[in-house]
Each structure stands twice: as structure tokens, then as C-alpha cells.
Amino acid sequence: MEIIWWLIAVSVVLVGLITWAFLWAVDSGQFDNLDAPATAILMDDDKVPGDPQRETAPSTSSRGAG
């Protein structure tokens, strides 16, 4: 019967920790925007503004022609 009291005490502590973690996540904005991560994978980001490697024009070469 003594183990029941230990289990109740441990479960109350765990519920308290889980509740604190959930409230912290809500307060810190973890659940503010649930749609953007799901659609971000669909966006085409081949050309990033300010990226010098991607803004240069492709070089024209006569290799393979003729």
C-alpha cells in the first residue's frame, strides 16, 4: 500500500513538470505559426537575394559546340 503513495506523488510531480513545459512552450511562441513550416518546403528558393554565387550570369563557353 505504501507504493501507491509513492506512485501518486511521482505522477503529480510529472504532471506538474509536463504542465510547466507546455505553458512555457505556449508562452515562448512555439505554437504561433503552425502553417508556415508545412508550406515552406513547397516554396522555390533557388535564387537567394544577396548570394553572389547564384546571382552571377552563367558563363558562355564554346566547349561542346561544334
PDB file of N, CA and C in Angstrom:
ATOM      1  N   MET A   1       0.814  -1.200   0.000  1.00  0.00           N
ATOM      2  CA  MET A   1       0.000   0.000   0.000  1.00  0.00           C
ATOM      3  C   MET A   1       0.859   1.266   0.000  1.00  0.00           C
ATOM      4  N   GLU A   2       2.068   1.145   0.539  1.00  0.00           N
ATOM      5  CA  GLU A   2       2.948   2.301   0.585  1.00  0.00           C
ATOM      6  C   GLU A   2       3.397   2.725  -0.809  1.00  0.00           C
ATOM      7  N   ILE A   3       3.517   1.772  -1.726  1.00  0.00           N
ATOM      8  CA  ILE A   3       3.959   2.092  -3.088  1.00  0.00           C
ATOM      9  C   ILE A   3       2.943   2.969  -3.819  1.00  0.00           C
ATOM     10  N   ILE A   4       1.671   2.820  -3.471  1.00  0.00           N
ATOM     11  CA  ILE A   4       0.624   3.648  -4.087  1.00  0.00           C
ATOM     12  C   ILE A   4       0.890   5.123  -3.805  1.00  0.00           C
ATOM     13  N   TRP A   5       1.258   5.454  -2.579  1.00  0.00           N
ATOM     14  CA  TRP A   5       1.518   6.853  -2.226  1.00  0.00           C
ATOM     15  C   TRP A   5       2.730   7.384  -2.972  1.00  0.00           C
ATOM     16  N   TRP A   6       3.761   6.558  -3.134  1.00  0.00           N
ATOM     17  CA  TRP A   6       4.925   6.980  -3.924  1.00  0.00           C
ATOM     18  C   TRP A   6       4.548   7.203  -5.383  1.00  0.00           C
ATOM     19  N   LEU A   7       3.759   6.321  -5.934  1.00  0.00           N
ATOM     20  CA  LEU A   7       3.346   6.466  -7.332  1.00  0.00           C
ATOM     21  C   LEU A   7       2.472   7.697  -7.539  1.00  0.00           C
ATOM     22  N   ILE A   8       1.602   7.981  -6.600  1.00  0.00           N
ATOM     23  CA  ILE A   8       0.764   9.178  -6.696  1.00  0.00           C
ATOM     24  C   ILE A   8       1.636  10.423  -6.631  1.00  0.00           C
ATOM     25  N   ALA A   9       2.597  10.443  -5.721  1.00  0.00           N
ATOM     26  CA  ALA A   9       3.479  11.604  -5.594  1.00  0.00           C
ATOM     27  C   ALA A   9       4.305  11.805  -6.869  1.00  0.00           C
ATOM     28  N   VAL A  10       4.848  10.744  -7.414  1.00  0.00           N
ATOM     29  CA  VAL A  10       5.649  10.839  -8.640  1.00  0.00           C
ATOM     30  C   VAL A  10       4.778  11.298  -9.805  1.00  0.00           C
ATOM     31  N   SER A  11       3.560  10.785  -9.903  1.00  0.00           N
ATOM     32  CA  SER A  11       2.691  11.183 -11.008  1.00  0.00           C
ATOM     33  C   SER A  11       2.271  12.642 -10.891  1.00  0.00           C
ATOM     34  N   VAL A  12       2.055  13.141  -9.685  1.00  0.00           N
ATOM     35  CA  VAL A  12       1.704  14.547  -9.501  1.00  0.00           C
ATOM     36  C   VAL A  12       2.878  15.436  -9.907  1.00  0.00           C
ATOM     37  N   VAL A  13       4.089  15.038  -9.552  1.00  0.00           N
ATOM     38  CA  VAL A  13       5.278  15.801  -9.943  1.00  0.00           C
ATOM     39  C   VAL A  13       5.424  15.794 -11.463  1.00  0.00           C
ATOM     40  N   LEU A  14       5.233  14.648 -12.092  1.00  0.00           N
ATOM     41  CA  LEU A  14       5.333  14.565 -13.553  1.00  0.00           C
ATOM     42  C   LEU A  14       4.277  15.409 -14.248  1.00  0.00           C
ATOM     43  N   VAL A  15       3.063  15.396 -13.742  1.00  0.00           N
ATOM     44  CA  VAL A  15       2.003  16.221 -14.326  1.00  0.00           C
ATOM     45  C   VAL A  15       2.360  17.696 -14.181  1.00  0.00           C
ATOM     46  N   GLY A  16       2.927  18.062 -13.054  1.00  0.00           N
ATOM     47  CA  GLY A  16       3.348  19.442 -12.858  1.00  0.00           C
ATOM     48  C   GLY A  16       4.446  19.841 -13.837  1.00  0.00           C
ATOM     49  N   LEU A  17       5.432  18.975 -14.045  1.00  0.00           N
ATOM     50  CA  LEU A  17       6.514  19.266 -14.997  1.00  0.00           C
ATOM     51  C   LEU A  17       5.995  19.357 -16.431  1.00  0.00           C
ATOM     52  N   ILE A  18       5.100  18.473 -16.791  1.00  0.00           N
ATOM     53  CA  ILE A  18       4.546  18.496 -18.148  1.00  0.00           C
ATOM     54  C   ILE A  18       3.715  19.760 -18.354  1.00  0.00           C
ATOM     55  N   THR A  19       2.938  20.137 -17.359  1.00  0.00           N
ATOM     56  CA  THR A  19       2.142  21.359 -17.458  1.00  0.00           C
ATOM     57  C   THR A  19       3.043  22.581 -17.579  1.00  0.00           C
ATOM     58  N   TRP A  20       4.118  22.631 -16.779  1.00  0.00           N
ATOM     59  CA  TRP A  20       5.062  23.746 -16.865  1.00  0.00           C
ATOM     60  C   TRP A  20       5.714  23.803 -18.243  1.00  0.00           C
ATOM     61  N   ALA A  21       6.125  22.654 -18.796  1.00  0.00           N
ATOM     62  CA  ALA A  21       6.759  22.633 -20.112  1.00  0.00           C
ATOM     63  C   ALA A  21       5.788  23.089 -21.195  1.00  0.00           C
ATOM     64  N   PHE A  22       4.539  22.679 -21.107  1.00  0.00           N
ATOM     65  CA  PHE A  22       3.547  23.097 -22.090  1.00  0.00           C
ATOM     66  C   PHE A  22       3.281  24.595 -22.010  1.00  0.00           C
ATOM     67  N   LEU A  23       3.128  25.119 -20.811  1.00  0.00           N
ATOM     68  CA  LEU A  23       2.881  26.552 -20.660  1.00  0.00           C
ATOM     69  C   LEU A  23       4.092  27.373 -21.096  1.00  0.00           C
ATOM     70  N   TRP A  24       5.282  26.873 -20.852  1.00  0.00           N
ATOM     71  CA  TRP A  24       6.492  27.559 -21.318  1.00  0.00           C
ATOM     72  C   TRP A  24       6.523  27.599 -22.850  1.00  0.00           C
ATOM     73  N   ALA A  25       6.173  26.479 -23.485  1.00  0.00           N
ATOM     74  CA  ALA A  25       6.173  26.429 -24.950  1.00  0.00           C
ATOM     75  C   ALA A  25       5.135  27.381 -25.531  1.00  0.00           C
ATOM     76  N   VAL A  26       3.973  27.456 -24.932  1.00  0.00           N
ATOM     77  CA  VAL A  26       2.941  28.375 -25.409  1.00  0.00           C
ATOM     78  C   VAL A  26       3.385  29.819 -25.209  1.00  0.00           C
ATOM     79  N   ASP A  27       3.972  30.113 -24.064  1.00  0.00           N
ATOM     80  CA  ASP A  27       4.394  31.478 -23.758  1.00  0.00           C
ATOM     81  C   ASP A  27       5.558  31.930 -24.640  1.00  0.00           C
ATOM     82  N   SER A  28       6.429  31.000 -25.030  1.00  0.00           N
ATOM     83  CA  SER A  28       7.590  31.379 -25.841  1.00  0.00           C
ATOM     84  C   SER A  28       7.276  31.412 -27.329  1.00  0.00           C
ATOM     85  N   GLY A  29       6.054  31.101 -27.723  1.00  0.00           N
ATOM     86  CA  GLY A  29       5.650  31.244 -29.109  1.00  0.00           C
ATOM     87  C   GLY A  29       5.888  30.023 -29.974  1.00  0.00           C
ATOM     88  N   GLN A  30       6.008  28.866 -29.388  1.00  0.00           N
ATOM     89  CA  GLN A  30       6.262  27.659 -30.162  1.00  0.00           C
ATOM     90  C   GLN A  30       5.067  27.269 -31.040  1.00  0.00           C
ATOM     91  N   PHE A  31       3.877  27.677 -30.673  1.00  0.00           N
ATOM     92  CA  PHE A  31       2.677  27.288 -31.402  1.00  0.00           C
ATOM     93  C   PHE A  31       2.041  28.465 -32.139  1.00  0.00           C
ATOM     94  N   ASP A  32       2.792  29.530 -32.385  1.00  0.00           N
ATOM     95  CA  ASP A  32       2.230  30.713 -33.027  1.00  0.00           C
ATOM     96  C   ASP A  32       1.902  30.489 -34.497  1.00  0.00           C
ATOM     97  N   ASN A  33       2.786  29.889 -35.241  1.00  0.00           N
ATOM     98  CA  ASN A  33       2.598  29.734 -36.680  1.00  0.00           C
ATOM     99  C   ASN A  33       2.779  28.274 -37.053  1.00  0.00           C
ATOM    100  N   LEU A  34       1.678  27.559 -37.160  1.00  0.00           N
ATOM    101  CA  LEU A  34       1.743  26.137 -37.460  1.00  0.00           C
ATOM    102  C   LEU A  34       1.681  25.840 -38.955  1.00  0.00           C
ATOM    103  N   ASP A  35       1.279  26.828 -39.777  1.00  0.00           N
ATOM    104  CA  ASP A  35       1.116  26.582 -41.201  1.00  0.00           C
ATOM    105  C   ASP A  35       2.379  26.838 -42.015  1.00  0.00           C
ATOM    106  N   ALA A  36       3.206  27.767 -41.606  1.00  0.00           N
ATOM    107  CA  ALA A  36       4.381  28.138 -42.403  1.00  0.00           C
ATOM    108  C   ALA A  36       5.383  26.994 -42.562  1.00  0.00           C
ATOM    109  N   PRO A  37       5.728  26.236 -41.522  1.00  0.00           N
ATOM    110  CA  PRO A  37       6.677  25.147 -41.735  1.00  0.00           C
ATOM    111  C   PRO A  37       6.156  24.076 -42.696  1.00  0.00           C
ATOM    112  N   ALA A  38       4.855  23.884 -42.735  1.00  0.00           N
ATOM    113  CA  ALA A  38       4.292  22.875 -43.625  1.00  0.00           C
ATOM    114  C   ALA A  38       4.349  23.313 -45.082  1.00  0.00           C
ATOM    115  N   THR A  39       4.230  24.609 -45.335  1.00  0.00           N
ATOM    116  CA  THR A  39       4.248  25.089 -46.715  1.00  0.00           C
ATOM    117  C   THR A  39       5.615  25.588 -47.148  1.00  0.00           C
ATOM    118  N   ALA A  40       6.546  25.754 -46.218  1.00  0.00           N
ATOM    119  CA  ALA A  40       7.871  26.265 -46.573  1.00  0.00           C
ATOM    120  C   ALA A  40       8.609  25.303 -47.494  1.00  0.00           C
ATOM    121  N   ILE A  41       8.354  24.029 -47.392  1.00  0.00           N
ATOM    122  CA  ILE A  41       9.036  23.048 -48.226  1.00  0.00           C
ATOM    123  C   ILE A  41       8.593  23.169 -49.681  1.00  0.00           C
ATOM    124  N   LEU A  42       7.423  23.750 -49.913  1.00  0.00           N
ATOM    125  CA  LEU A  42       6.911  23.885 -51.266  1.00  0.00           C
ATOM    126  C   LEU A  42       7.423  25.128 -51.985  1.00  0.00           C
ATOM    127  N   MET A  43       7.974  26.076 -51.236  1.00  0.00           N
ATOM    128  CA  MET A  43       8.444  27.313 -51.835  1.00  0.00           C
ATOM    129  C   MET A  43       9.733  27.090 -52.609  1.00  0.00           C
ATOM    130  N   ASP A  44       9.855  27.757 -53.742  1.00  0.00           N
ATOM    131  CA  ASP A  44      11.028  27.628 -54.588  1.00  0.00           C
ATOM    132  C   ASP A  44      12.054  28.663 -54.146  1.00  0.00           C
ATOM    133  N   ASP A  45      13.174  28.199 -53.648  1.00  0.00           N
ATOM    134  CA  ASP A  45      14.187  29.122 -53.159  1.00  0.00           C
ATOM    135  C   ASP A  45      15.514  28.917 -53.893  1.00  0.00           C
ATOM    136  N   ASP A  46      15.440  28.736 -55.215  1.00  0.00           N
ATOM    137  CA  ASP A  46      16.651  28.524 -55.981  1.00  0.00           C
ATOM    138  C   ASP A  46      17.523  29.770 -56.031  1.00  0.00           C
ATOM    139  N   LYS A  47      16.922  30.937 -56.093  1.00  0.00           N
ATOM    140  CA  LYS A  47      17.677  32.179 -56.184  1.00  0.00           C
ATOM    141  C   LYS A  47      17.491  32.966 -54.894  1.00  0.00           C
ATOM    142  N   VAL A  48      18.547  33.051 -54.122  1.00  0.00           N
ATOM    143  CA  VAL A  48      18.513  33.757 -52.857  1.00  0.00           C
ATOM    144  C   VAL A  48      19.083  35.155 -53.069  1.00  0.00           C
ATOM    145  N   PRO A  49      18.353  36.213 -52.723  1.00  0.00           N
ATOM    146  CA  PRO A  49      18.886  37.563 -52.887  1.00  0.00           C
ATOM    147  C   PRO A  49      20.128  37.760 -52.025  1.00  0.00           C
ATOM    148  N   GLY A  50      21.139  38.367 -52.625  1.00  0.00           N
ATOM    149  CA  GLY A  50      22.366  38.637 -51.898  1.00  0.00           C
ATOM    150  C   GLY A  50      23.384  37.515 -51.954  1.00  0.00           C
ATOM    151  N   ASP A  51      23.073  36.429 -52.608  1.00  0.00           N
ATOM    152  CA  ASP A  51      24.003  35.318 -52.725  1.00  0.00           C
ATOM    153  C   ASP A  51      24.829  35.506 -53.991  1.00  0.00           C
ATOM    154  N   PRO A  52      26.122  35.846 -53.888  1.00  0.00           N
ATOM    155  CA  PRO A  52      26.909  36.154 -55.085  1.00  0.00           C
ATOM    156  C   PRO A  52      27.099  34.955 -56.007  1.00  0.00           C
ATOM    157  N   GLN A  53      27.063  33.764 -55.505  1.00  0.00           N
ATOM    158  CA  GLN A  53      27.249  32.595 -56.369  1.00  0.00           C
ATOM    159  C   GLN A  53      26.044  32.388 -57.273  1.00  0.00           C
ATOM    160  N   ARG A  54      24.879  32.695 -56.776  1.00  0.00           N
ATOM    161  CA  ARG A  54      23.679  32.440 -57.564  1.00  0.00           C
ATOM    162  C   ARG A  54      23.272  33.627 -58.419  1.00  0.00           C
ATOM    163  N   GLU A  55      23.821  34.811 -58.162  1.00  0.00           N
ATOM    164  CA  GLU A  55      23.444  35.985 -58.940  1.00  0.00           C
ATOM    165  C   GLU A  55      24.317  36.173 -60.182  1.00  0.00           C
ATOM    166  N   THR A  56      25.407  35.466 -60.297  1.00  0.00           N
ATOM    167  CA  THR A  56      26.272  35.625 -61.458  1.00  0.00           C
ATOM    168  C   THR A  56      25.639  34.959 -62.668  1.00  0.00           C
ATOM    169  N   ALA A  57      25.857  35.564 -63.803  1.00  0.00           N
ATOM    170  CA  ALA A  57      25.308  35.019 -65.040  1.00  0.00           C
ATOM    171  C   ALA A  57      26.088  33.755 -65.412  1.00  0.00           C
ATOM    172  N   PRO A  58      25.413  32.802 -66.011  1.00  0.00           N
ATOM    173  CA  PRO A  58      26.125  31.589 -66.428  1.00  0.00           C
ATOM    174  C   PRO A  58      27.153  31.918 -67.501  1.00  0.00           C
ATOM    175  N   SER A  59      28.297  31.279 -67.399  1.00  0.00           N
ATOM    176  CA  SER A  59      29.362  31.557 -68.366  1.00  0.00           C
ATOM    177  C   SER A  59      29.040  30.880 -69.694  1.00  0.00           C
ATOM    178  N   THR A  60      29.322  31.594 -70.759  1.00  0.00           N
ATOM    179  CA  THR A  60      29.111  31.030 -72.086  1.00  0.00           C
ATOM    180  C   THR A  60      30.438  30.483 -72.575  1.00  0.00           C
ATOM    181  N   SER A  61      30.422  29.267 -72.930  1.00  0.00           N
ATOM    182  CA  SER A  61      31.656  28.612 -73.349  1.00  0.00           C
ATOM    183  C   SER A  61      31.417  27.920 -74.679  1.00  0.00           C
ATOM    184  N   SER A  62      32.468  27.835 -75.468  1.00  0.00           N
ATOM    185  CA  SER A  62      32.331  27.187 -76.763  1.00  0.00           C
ATOM    186  C   SER A  62      32.629  25.703 -76.687  1.00  0.00           C
ATOM    187  N   ARG A  63      32.843  25.205 -75.459  1.00  0.00           N
ATOM    188  CA  ARG A  63      33.091  23.761 -75.343  1.00  0.00           C
ATOM    189  C   ARG A  63      31.836  22.978 -75.713  1.00  0.00           C
ATOM    190  N   GLY A  64      32.013  21.975 -76.442  1.00  0.00           N
ATOM    191  CA  GLY A  64      30.907  21.114 -76.827  1.00  0.00           C
ATOM    192  C   GLY A  64      30.135  21.616 -78.015  1.00  0.00           C
ATOM    193  N   ALA A  65      30.433  22.808 -78.498  1.00  0.00           N
ATOM    194  CA  ALA A  65      29.709  23.343 -79.646  1.00  0.00           C
ATOM    195  C   ALA A  65      30.573  23.152 -80.889  1.00  0.00           C
ATOM    196  N   GLY A  66      30.185  22.284 -81.686  1.00  0.00           N
ATOM    197  CA  GLY A  66      30.812  22.207 -82.974  1.00  0.00           C
ATOM    198  C   GLY A  66      31.823  21.212 -83.118  1.00  0.00           C
TER     199      GLY A  66
END
